[in-house]
Amino acid sequence: MIEKFAKVSKSNFKTESIIDGFGKNFEKVNTMIDIKIKDSPIYPHDCIDFVADEGTGGSTVFIGTVRNQTKGKKVIRLEFESYVPMAISEMRKIAEQASERWSCTKVSIHHRVGVLAIGEVAVIIAVATPHRKSAFKACEYCIDTLKETVPIWKREFFEDGDVWVAAHP
């Protein structure tokens, strides 16, 4: 199982290494940022719990799920592939940029890879900021930029074939 992540507690202000499924350290991260790419289910409560902070006035969560159709055509399943080390690095950059631009106190971005069935969660983004308006803007920036820049590729499967989907926010 692939599980590459960095997660820290509120009281831990040191950096931690991201550990891949083989125990190899490959990157340092900011302690207020939680990045994961997994080939097993991801859960909104993990991201929500991470960004929870009594000092913030607004939190926003985006949950992207696998829908059952695209442009009226029935979708059977999705498959996501990724160049994980670069994807984690790019996701971290996005979180850092959002933090700087909208004063996010915490950002959590989780993404699935592998085969996903209809209704499964593919991506979760949660942000916490001092005010609600900046939380909405930061969350939207994170998902739009992720789709444009992060090396995660989506393949849609239909009853009559499949197609690689170009990123478009």
N, C-alpha and C. Protein backbone atom coordinates (compact mmCIF):
# COMPACT_ATOMS: atom_id res chain seq x y z
N MET A 1 0.84 -1.18 0.00
CA MET A 1 0.00 0.00 0.00
C MET A 1 0.88 1.24 0.00
N ILE A 2 0.54 2.20 -0.83
CA ILE A 2 1.23 3.48 -0.84
C ILE A 2 0.57 4.37 0.19
N GLU A 3 1.33 4.92 1.08
CA GLU A 3 0.81 5.95 1.97
C GLU A 3 1.95 6.89 2.23
N LYS A 4 1.91 8.01 1.57
CA LYS A 4 2.97 8.99 1.69
C LYS A 4 2.36 10.22 2.32
N PHE A 5 2.90 10.62 3.47
CA PHE A 5 2.25 11.72 4.15
C PHE A 5 3.17 12.41 5.13
N ALA A 6 2.72 13.56 5.55
CA ALA A 6 3.32 14.27 6.66
C ALA A 6 2.18 14.83 7.49
N LYS A 7 2.15 14.56 8.75
CA LYS A 7 1.12 15.11 9.61
C LYS A 7 1.76 15.42 10.95
N VAL A 8 1.43 16.56 11.48
CA VAL A 8 2.01 16.97 12.75
C VAL A 8 0.91 17.47 13.67
N SER A 9 1.20 17.50 14.93
CA SER A 9 0.24 18.02 15.90
C SER A 9 0.40 19.51 16.06
N LYS A 10 -0.58 20.14 16.65
CA LYS A 10 -0.56 21.59 16.86
C LYS A 10 0.64 22.00 17.71
N SER A 11 1.03 21.18 18.65
CA SER A 11 2.12 21.54 19.55
C SER A 11 3.50 21.24 18.99
N ASN A 12 3.59 20.55 17.87
CA ASN A 12 4.88 20.19 17.30
C ASN A 12 5.23 21.17 16.19
N PHE A 13 6.17 22.05 16.44
CA PHE A 13 6.52 23.07 15.46
C PHE A 13 7.82 22.76 14.74
N LYS A 14 8.28 21.53 14.78
CA LYS A 14 9.44 21.10 14.02
C LYS A 14 8.97 20.54 12.69
N THR A 15 9.89 20.40 11.75
CA THR A 15 9.51 19.76 10.50
C THR A 15 9.60 18.25 10.68
N GLU A 16 8.82 17.52 9.87
CA GLU A 16 8.86 16.07 9.88
C GLU A 16 9.12 15.58 8.47
N SER A 17 9.68 14.41 8.38
CA SER A 17 9.93 13.84 7.07
C SER A 17 8.68 13.17 6.56
N ILE A 18 8.52 13.18 5.25
CA ILE A 18 7.49 12.38 4.61
C ILE A 18 8.10 10.99 4.43
N ILE A 19 7.38 9.99 4.82
CA ILE A 19 7.86 8.61 4.72
C ILE A 19 7.03 7.89 3.67
N ASP A 20 7.71 7.26 2.71
CA ASP A 20 6.93 6.52 1.72
C ASP A 20 6.68 5.11 2.25
N GLY A 21 5.97 4.32 1.49
CA GLY A 21 5.58 2.98 1.90
C GLY A 21 6.76 2.05 2.14
N PHE A 22 7.95 2.46 1.73
CA PHE A 22 9.13 1.62 1.90
C PHE A 22 10.04 2.16 3.00
N GLY A 23 9.57 3.17 3.75
CA GLY A 23 10.34 3.70 4.86
C GLY A 23 11.41 4.69 4.46
N LYS A 24 11.35 5.22 3.25
CA LYS A 24 12.39 6.13 2.75
C LYS A 24 11.96 7.58 2.98
N ASN A 25 12.81 8.36 3.65
CA ASN A 25 12.55 9.78 3.84
C ASN A 25 12.91 10.52 2.57
N PHE A 26 12.04 11.42 2.11
CA PHE A 26 12.41 12.14 0.90
C PHE A 26 12.05 13.61 0.88
N GLU A 27 11.46 14.16 1.93
CA GLU A 27 11.12 15.57 1.86
C GLU A 27 10.75 16.10 3.24
N LYS A 28 11.01 17.39 3.46
CA LYS A 28 10.61 18.07 4.69
C LYS A 28 9.38 18.93 4.41
N VAL A 29 8.56 19.16 5.44
CA VAL A 29 7.35 19.94 5.26
C VAL A 29 7.13 20.92 6.39
N ASN A 30 6.29 21.90 6.14
CA ASN A 30 5.85 22.86 7.14
C ASN A 30 4.91 22.14 8.10
N THR A 31 5.00 22.46 9.39
CA THR A 31 4.20 21.76 10.39
C THR A 31 2.71 22.12 10.36
N MET A 32 2.32 23.15 9.64
CA MET A 32 0.92 23.52 9.57
C MET A 32 0.29 23.04 8.27
N ILE A 33 0.99 22.17 7.59
CA ILE A 33 0.53 21.63 6.31
C ILE A 33 0.51 20.11 6.39
N ASP A 34 -0.58 19.53 5.91
CA ASP A 34 -0.79 18.08 5.93
C ASP A 34 -1.05 17.61 4.50
N ILE A 35 -0.12 16.86 3.94
CA ILE A 35 -0.20 16.40 2.55
C ILE A 35 -0.17 14.88 2.54
N LYS A 36 -1.12 14.26 1.80
CA LYS A 36 -1.11 12.80 1.66
C LYS A 36 -1.53 12.42 0.26
N ILE A 37 -0.89 11.38 -0.25
CA ILE A 37 -1.31 10.69 -1.46
C ILE A 37 -1.39 9.22 -1.08
N LYS A 38 -2.59 8.63 -1.25
CA LYS A 38 -2.81 7.26 -0.79
C LYS A 38 -3.49 6.42 -1.85
N ASP A 39 -3.24 5.13 -1.81
CA ASP A 39 -3.96 4.21 -2.69
C ASP A 39 -5.04 3.46 -1.93
N SER A 40 -5.43 4.01 -0.79
CA SER A 40 -6.54 3.49 0.01
C SER A 40 -7.45 4.67 0.33
N PRO A 41 -8.65 4.41 0.84
CA PRO A 41 -9.61 5.51 1.05
C PRO A 41 -9.06 6.67 1.89
N ILE A 42 -9.52 7.87 1.53
CA ILE A 42 -9.20 9.07 2.30
C ILE A 42 -10.50 9.57 2.92
N TYR A 43 -10.39 10.21 4.07
CA TYR A 43 -11.57 10.56 4.85
C TYR A 43 -11.59 12.05 5.20
N PRO A 44 -12.71 12.72 4.93
CA PRO A 44 -12.82 14.15 5.23
C PRO A 44 -12.49 14.51 6.68
N HIS A 45 -12.91 13.66 7.63
CA HIS A 45 -12.68 14.01 9.04
C HIS A 45 -11.20 14.13 9.36
N ASP A 46 -10.32 13.40 8.64
CA ASP A 46 -8.88 13.52 8.89
C ASP A 46 -8.41 14.94 8.56
N CYS A 47 -8.86 15.48 7.44
CA CYS A 47 -8.47 16.84 7.04
C CYS A 47 -9.12 17.88 7.94
N ILE A 48 -10.39 17.68 8.25
CA ILE A 48 -11.11 18.62 9.11
C ILE A 48 -10.47 18.67 10.50
N ASP A 49 -10.14 17.50 11.04
CA ASP A 49 -9.49 17.45 12.36
C ASP A 49 -8.14 18.15 12.33
N PHE A 50 -7.40 17.99 11.25
CA PHE A 50 -6.08 18.60 11.16
C PHE A 50 -6.16 20.12 11.18
N VAL A 51 -7.11 20.71 10.44
CA VAL A 51 -7.18 22.18 10.35
C VAL A 51 -7.93 22.81 11.52
N ALA A 52 -8.60 22.01 12.34
CA ALA A 52 -9.36 22.56 13.47
C ALA A 52 -8.43 23.36 14.38
N ASP A 53 -8.86 24.58 14.69
CA ASP A 53 -8.04 25.46 15.50
C ASP A 53 -8.96 26.51 16.11
N GLU A 54 -8.94 26.65 17.42
CA GLU A 54 -9.80 27.61 18.09
C GLU A 54 -9.47 29.05 17.74
N GLY A 55 -8.30 29.29 17.18
CA GLY A 55 -7.88 30.64 16.84
C GLY A 55 -8.31 31.10 15.46
N THR A 56 -8.98 30.24 14.71
CA THR A 56 -9.39 30.63 13.36
C THR A 56 -10.89 30.89 13.31
N GLY A 57 -11.26 31.77 12.39
CA GLY A 57 -12.66 32.14 12.26
C GLY A 57 -13.38 31.42 11.15
N GLY A 58 -12.62 30.79 10.24
CA GLY A 58 -13.27 30.12 9.12
C GLY A 58 -12.49 28.91 8.64
N SER A 59 -13.21 27.87 8.36
CA SER A 59 -12.63 26.67 7.75
C SER A 59 -13.50 26.29 6.56
N THR A 60 -12.86 25.87 5.48
CA THR A 60 -13.58 25.44 4.30
C THR A 60 -13.03 24.10 3.86
N VAL A 61 -13.92 23.22 3.40
CA VAL A 61 -13.52 21.88 2.96
C VAL A 61 -14.09 21.63 1.57
N PHE A 62 -13.24 21.15 0.67
CA PHE A 62 -13.68 20.69 -0.64
C PHE A 62 -13.49 19.19 -0.67
N ILE A 63 -14.52 18.47 -1.09
CA ILE A 63 -14.45 17.01 -1.22
C ILE A 63 -14.82 16.67 -2.66
N GLY A 64 -13.87 16.15 -3.40
CA GLY A 64 -14.11 15.75 -4.78
C GLY A 64 -14.39 14.26 -4.83
N THR A 65 -15.53 13.88 -5.41
CA THR A 65 -15.92 12.48 -5.48
C THR A 65 -16.05 12.03 -6.93
N VAL A 66 -16.06 10.73 -7.13
CA VAL A 66 -16.22 10.15 -8.46
C VAL A 66 -17.70 10.18 -8.82
N ARG A 67 -18.03 10.90 -9.88
CA ARG A 67 -19.43 10.99 -10.31
C ARG A 67 -19.74 9.85 -11.29
N ASN A 68 -21.01 9.60 -11.51
CA ASN A 68 -21.44 8.47 -12.33
C ASN A 68 -21.60 8.80 -13.81
N GLN A 69 -21.32 10.04 -14.20
CA GLN A 69 -21.45 10.40 -15.62
C GLN A 69 -20.56 11.60 -15.93
N THR A 70 -20.18 11.70 -17.18
CA THR A 70 -19.46 12.86 -17.71
C THR A 70 -20.10 13.22 -19.04
N LYS A 71 -20.59 14.45 -19.13
CA LYS A 71 -21.23 14.92 -20.36
C LYS A 71 -22.31 13.94 -20.84
N GLY A 72 -23.07 13.40 -19.89
CA GLY A 72 -24.16 12.49 -20.22
C GLY A 72 -23.74 11.05 -20.49
N LYS A 73 -22.47 10.77 -20.41
CA LYS A 73 -21.96 9.42 -20.67
C LYS A 73 -21.68 8.72 -19.34
N LYS A 74 -22.18 7.48 -19.18
CA LYS A 74 -22.06 6.74 -17.94
C LYS A 74 -20.59 6.39 -17.64
N VAL A 75 -20.13 6.78 -16.46
CA VAL A 75 -18.78 6.46 -15.99
C VAL A 75 -18.84 5.18 -15.17
N ILE A 76 -17.93 4.26 -15.43
CA ILE A 76 -17.85 2.98 -14.72
C ILE A 76 -16.94 3.10 -13.50
N ARG A 77 -15.78 3.75 -13.70
CA ARG A 77 -14.80 3.94 -12.62
C ARG A 77 -13.76 4.97 -13.08
N LEU A 78 -12.93 5.40 -12.17
CA LEU A 78 -11.79 6.26 -12.48
C LEU A 78 -10.52 5.58 -12.02
N GLU A 79 -9.43 5.92 -12.66
CA GLU A 79 -8.11 5.51 -12.20
C GLU A 79 -7.24 6.75 -12.16
N PHE A 80 -6.52 6.92 -11.06
CA PHE A 80 -5.58 8.02 -10.92
C PHE A 80 -4.17 7.46 -10.83
N GLU A 81 -3.26 8.10 -11.56
CA GLU A 81 -1.84 7.78 -11.49
C GLU A 81 -1.11 9.04 -11.11
N SER A 82 0.08 8.88 -10.52
CA SER A 82 0.83 10.05 -10.08
C SER A 82 2.32 9.76 -10.04
N TYR A 83 3.08 10.82 -10.25
CA TYR A 83 4.51 10.79 -9.93
C TYR A 83 4.58 11.35 -8.51
N VAL A 84 4.52 10.47 -7.52
CA VAL A 84 4.25 10.83 -6.14
C VAL A 84 5.25 11.82 -5.54
N PRO A 85 6.57 11.62 -5.65
CA PRO A 85 7.47 12.60 -5.01
C PRO A 85 7.25 14.03 -5.52
N MET A 86 7.08 14.18 -6.82
CA MET A 86 6.85 15.51 -7.38
C MET A 86 5.45 16.02 -7.00
N ALA A 87 4.46 15.14 -7.00
CA ALA A 87 3.10 15.55 -6.64
C ALA A 87 3.06 16.07 -5.20
N ILE A 88 3.71 15.39 -4.29
CA ILE A 88 3.74 15.84 -2.90
C ILE A 88 4.43 17.19 -2.80
N SER A 89 5.53 17.35 -3.50
CA SER A 89 6.24 18.62 -3.49
C SER A 89 5.36 19.76 -4.04
N GLU A 90 4.66 19.50 -5.13
CA GLU A 90 3.79 20.52 -5.73
C GLU A 90 2.59 20.83 -4.83
N MET A 91 2.03 19.81 -4.21
CA MET A 91 0.90 20.03 -3.30
C MET A 91 1.34 20.87 -2.11
N ARG A 92 2.55 20.61 -1.62
CA ARG A 92 3.09 21.40 -0.51
C ARG A 92 3.27 22.86 -0.93
N LYS A 93 3.78 23.07 -2.15
CA LYS A 93 3.94 24.44 -2.66
C LYS A 93 2.60 25.17 -2.72
N ILE A 94 1.59 24.47 -3.19
CA ILE A 94 0.25 25.06 -3.27
C ILE A 94 -0.22 25.47 -1.88
N ALA A 95 -0.06 24.59 -0.91
CA ALA A 95 -0.48 24.89 0.47
C ALA A 95 0.30 26.08 1.03
N GLU A 96 1.59 26.12 0.75
CA GLU A 96 2.41 27.25 1.23
C GLU A 96 1.97 28.55 0.57
N GLN A 97 1.70 28.53 -0.73
CA GLN A 97 1.25 29.74 -1.43
C GLN A 97 -0.09 30.21 -0.89
N ALA A 98 -1.01 29.29 -0.67
CA ALA A 98 -2.31 29.66 -0.10
C ALA A 98 -2.13 30.24 1.30
N SER A 99 -1.25 29.64 2.07
CA SER A 99 -1.00 30.12 3.43
C SER A 99 -0.49 31.55 3.44
N GLU A 100 0.43 31.83 2.53
CA GLU A 100 0.98 33.18 2.43
C GLU A 100 -0.07 34.18 1.94
N ARG A 101 -0.79 33.80 0.91
CA ARG A 101 -1.72 34.73 0.25
C ARG A 101 -2.97 35.02 1.09
N TRP A 102 -3.50 34.01 1.79
CA TRP A 102 -4.75 34.17 2.53
C TRP A 102 -4.59 33.96 4.03
N SER A 103 -3.38 33.98 4.53
CA SER A 103 -3.11 33.83 5.97
C SER A 103 -3.69 32.55 6.56
N CYS A 104 -3.59 31.47 5.80
CA CYS A 104 -4.08 30.18 6.32
C CYS A 104 -3.26 29.78 7.53
N THR A 105 -3.94 29.34 8.55
CA THR A 105 -3.23 28.82 9.71
C THR A 105 -2.87 27.35 9.50
N LYS A 106 -3.72 26.64 8.76
CA LYS A 106 -3.47 25.23 8.45
C LYS A 106 -4.09 24.89 7.10
N VAL A 107 -3.42 23.97 6.40
CA VAL A 107 -3.92 23.48 5.11
C VAL A 107 -3.71 21.97 5.07
N SER A 108 -4.73 21.25 4.64
CA SER A 108 -4.65 19.80 4.49
C SER A 108 -5.11 19.43 3.08
N ILE A 109 -4.27 18.69 2.35
CA ILE A 109 -4.62 18.23 1.00
C ILE A 109 -4.33 16.73 0.92
N HIS A 110 -5.37 15.96 0.66
CA HIS A 110 -5.24 14.50 0.50
C HIS A 110 -5.76 14.12 -0.88
N HIS A 111 -5.06 13.20 -1.56
CA HIS A 111 -5.51 12.75 -2.88
C HIS A 111 -5.34 11.25 -2.98
N ARG A 112 -6.28 10.60 -3.65
CA ARG A 112 -6.22 9.16 -3.91
C ARG A 112 -5.50 8.88 -5.21
N VAL A 113 -4.90 7.73 -5.30
CA VAL A 113 -4.41 7.16 -6.55
C VAL A 113 -4.95 5.74 -6.64
N GLY A 114 -4.89 5.17 -7.83
CA GLY A 114 -5.41 3.82 -8.03
C GLY A 114 -6.81 3.85 -8.59
N VAL A 115 -7.50 2.73 -8.45
CA VAL A 115 -8.86 2.57 -8.99
C VAL A 115 -9.88 3.06 -7.97
N LEU A 116 -10.80 3.93 -8.43
CA LEU A 116 -11.86 4.46 -7.57
C LEU A 116 -13.21 4.16 -8.19
N ALA A 117 -14.14 3.72 -7.35
CA ALA A 117 -15.51 3.43 -7.78
C ALA A 117 -16.36 4.69 -7.70
N ILE A 118 -17.51 4.64 -8.32
CA ILE A 118 -18.47 5.74 -8.27
C ILE A 118 -18.77 6.06 -6.80
N GLY A 119 -18.74 7.34 -6.48
CA GLY A 119 -19.05 7.79 -5.12
C GLY A 119 -17.86 7.88 -4.19
N GLU A 120 -16.73 7.28 -4.55
CA GLU A 120 -15.56 7.34 -3.67
C GLU A 120 -14.93 8.73 -3.71
N VAL A 121 -14.26 9.08 -2.62
CA VAL A 121 -13.60 10.37 -2.50
C VAL A 121 -12.24 10.31 -3.18
N ALA A 122 -12.00 11.26 -4.10
CA ALA A 122 -10.75 11.33 -4.84
C ALA A 122 -9.79 12.36 -4.25
N VAL A 123 -10.34 13.47 -3.76
CA VAL A 123 -9.49 14.55 -3.24
C VAL A 123 -10.23 15.28 -2.12
N ILE A 124 -9.47 15.69 -1.12
CA ILE A 124 -10.02 16.50 -0.03
C ILE A 124 -9.05 17.64 0.22
N ILE A 125 -9.60 18.83 0.33
CA ILE A 125 -8.81 20.00 0.69
C ILE A 125 -9.53 20.70 1.82
N ALA A 126 -8.82 20.97 2.91
CA ALA A 126 -9.37 21.71 4.03
C ALA A 126 -8.40 22.83 4.38
N VAL A 127 -8.94 24.01 4.60
CA VAL A 127 -8.12 25.16 5.00
C VAL A 127 -8.77 25.86 6.18
N ALA A 128 -7.94 26.45 7.02
CA ALA A 128 -8.42 27.27 8.13
C ALA A 128 -7.74 28.63 8.03
N THR A 129 -8.53 29.69 8.16
CA THR A 129 -8.02 31.06 8.08
C THR A 129 -8.70 31.90 9.17
N PRO A 130 -8.19 33.11 9.38
CA PRO A 130 -8.83 33.96 10.38
C PRO A 130 -10.27 34.34 10.04
N HIS A 131 -10.61 34.40 8.74
CA HIS A 131 -11.94 34.85 8.32
C HIS A 131 -12.48 33.95 7.21
N ARG A 132 -13.82 33.82 7.12
CA ARG A 132 -14.45 32.89 6.19
C ARG A 132 -14.16 33.18 4.72
N LYS A 133 -14.17 34.45 4.33
CA LYS A 133 -13.97 34.79 2.92
C LYS A 133 -12.61 34.30 2.41
N SER A 134 -11.58 34.48 3.21
CA SER A 134 -10.26 34.02 2.81
C SER A 134 -10.19 32.49 2.80
N ALA A 135 -10.96 31.82 3.65
CA ALA A 135 -10.98 30.36 3.65
C ALA A 135 -11.55 29.83 2.34
N PHE A 136 -12.65 30.44 1.86
CA PHE A 136 -13.22 30.03 0.58
C PHE A 136 -12.24 30.27 -0.57
N LYS A 137 -11.63 31.43 -0.59
CA LYS A 137 -10.69 31.76 -1.68
C LYS A 137 -9.48 30.83 -1.66
N ALA A 138 -8.95 30.55 -0.49
CA ALA A 138 -7.78 29.68 -0.38
C ALA A 138 -8.09 28.26 -0.82
N CYS A 139 -9.25 27.76 -0.43
CA CYS A 139 -9.65 26.40 -0.80
C CYS A 139 -9.84 26.28 -2.31
N GLU A 140 -10.51 27.27 -2.90
CA GLU A 140 -10.69 27.27 -4.35
C GLU A 140 -9.35 27.34 -5.08
N TYR A 141 -8.45 28.17 -4.60
CA TYR A 141 -7.12 28.27 -5.19
C TYR A 141 -6.41 26.92 -5.14
N CYS A 142 -6.49 26.25 -4.01
CA CYS A 142 -5.81 24.96 -3.85
C CYS A 142 -6.30 23.92 -4.85
N ILE A 143 -7.62 23.76 -5.01
CA ILE A 143 -8.12 22.73 -5.92
C ILE A 143 -7.85 23.12 -7.37
N ASP A 144 -8.04 24.38 -7.72
CA ASP A 144 -7.79 24.80 -9.11
C ASP A 144 -6.32 24.64 -9.48
N THR A 145 -5.43 25.03 -8.58
CA THR A 145 -3.99 24.93 -8.86
C THR A 145 -3.53 23.49 -8.85
N LEU A 146 -4.08 22.67 -7.96
CA LEU A 146 -3.76 21.24 -7.95
C LEU A 146 -4.07 20.62 -9.31
N LYS A 147 -5.25 20.90 -9.83
CA LYS A 147 -5.66 20.31 -11.12
C LYS A 147 -4.78 20.79 -12.27
N GLU A 148 -4.23 21.99 -12.16
CA GLU A 148 -3.40 22.55 -13.23
C GLU A 148 -1.94 22.12 -13.16
N THR A 149 -1.41 21.91 -11.95
CA THR A 149 0.05 21.78 -11.82
C THR A 149 0.57 20.47 -11.23
N VAL A 150 -0.26 19.73 -10.52
CA VAL A 150 0.23 18.54 -9.81
C VAL A 150 0.19 17.33 -10.74
N PRO A 151 1.29 16.57 -10.79
CA PRO A 151 1.33 15.40 -11.68
C PRO A 151 0.51 14.21 -11.16
N ILE A 152 -0.80 14.40 -11.24
CA ILE A 152 -1.78 13.35 -10.96
C ILE A 152 -2.68 13.30 -12.18
N TRP A 153 -2.76 12.10 -12.79
CA TRP A 153 -3.50 11.95 -14.04
C TRP A 153 -4.73 11.09 -13.83
N LYS A 154 -5.84 11.52 -14.45
CA LYS A 154 -7.13 10.85 -14.29
C LYS A 154 -7.52 10.16 -15.59
N ARG A 155 -7.97 8.92 -15.44
CA ARG A 155 -8.47 8.13 -16.57
C ARG A 155 -9.90 7.72 -16.26
N GLU A 156 -10.82 8.09 -17.15
CA GLU A 156 -12.23 7.74 -16.98
C GLU A 156 -12.54 6.50 -17.81
N PHE A 157 -13.27 5.57 -17.20
CA PHE A 157 -13.68 4.35 -17.88
C PHE A 157 -15.18 4.39 -18.10
N PHE A 158 -15.59 4.12 -19.35
CA PHE A 158 -16.99 4.09 -19.76
C PHE A 158 -17.34 2.68 -20.21
N GLU A 159 -18.60 2.45 -20.52
CA GLU A 159 -19.03 1.13 -21.01
C GLU A 159 -18.37 0.79 -22.34
N ASP A 160 -18.02 1.81 -23.13
CA ASP A 160 -17.47 1.57 -24.47
C ASP A 160 -16.01 2.00 -24.63
N GLY A 161 -15.27 2.13 -23.53
CA GLY A 161 -13.86 2.51 -23.63
C GLY A 161 -13.42 3.40 -22.50
N ASP A 162 -12.28 4.05 -22.68
CA ASP A 162 -11.74 4.91 -21.64
C ASP A 162 -11.02 6.09 -22.28
N VAL A 163 -10.74 7.09 -21.45
CA VAL A 163 -10.07 8.30 -21.94
C VAL A 163 -9.27 8.92 -20.79
N TRP A 164 -8.07 9.41 -21.12
CA TRP A 164 -7.29 10.21 -20.17
C TRP A 164 -7.88 11.60 -20.19
N VAL A 165 -8.14 12.16 -19.02
CA VAL A 165 -8.79 13.46 -18.90
C VAL A 165 -7.76 14.54 -18.67
N ALA A 166 -7.82 15.59 -19.50
CA ALA A 166 -6.94 16.74 -19.30
C ALA A 166 -7.43 17.53 -18.10
N ALA A 167 -6.49 18.07 -17.36
CA ALA A 167 -6.85 18.88 -16.18
C ALA A 167 -7.51 20.16 -16.63
N HIS A 168 -8.60 20.50 -15.96
CA HIS A 168 -9.27 21.77 -16.21
C HIS A 168 -10.12 22.11 -15.00
N PRO A 169 -9.77 23.22 -14.34
CA PRO A 169 -10.51 23.58 -13.13
C PRO A 169 -11.96 23.92 -13.40
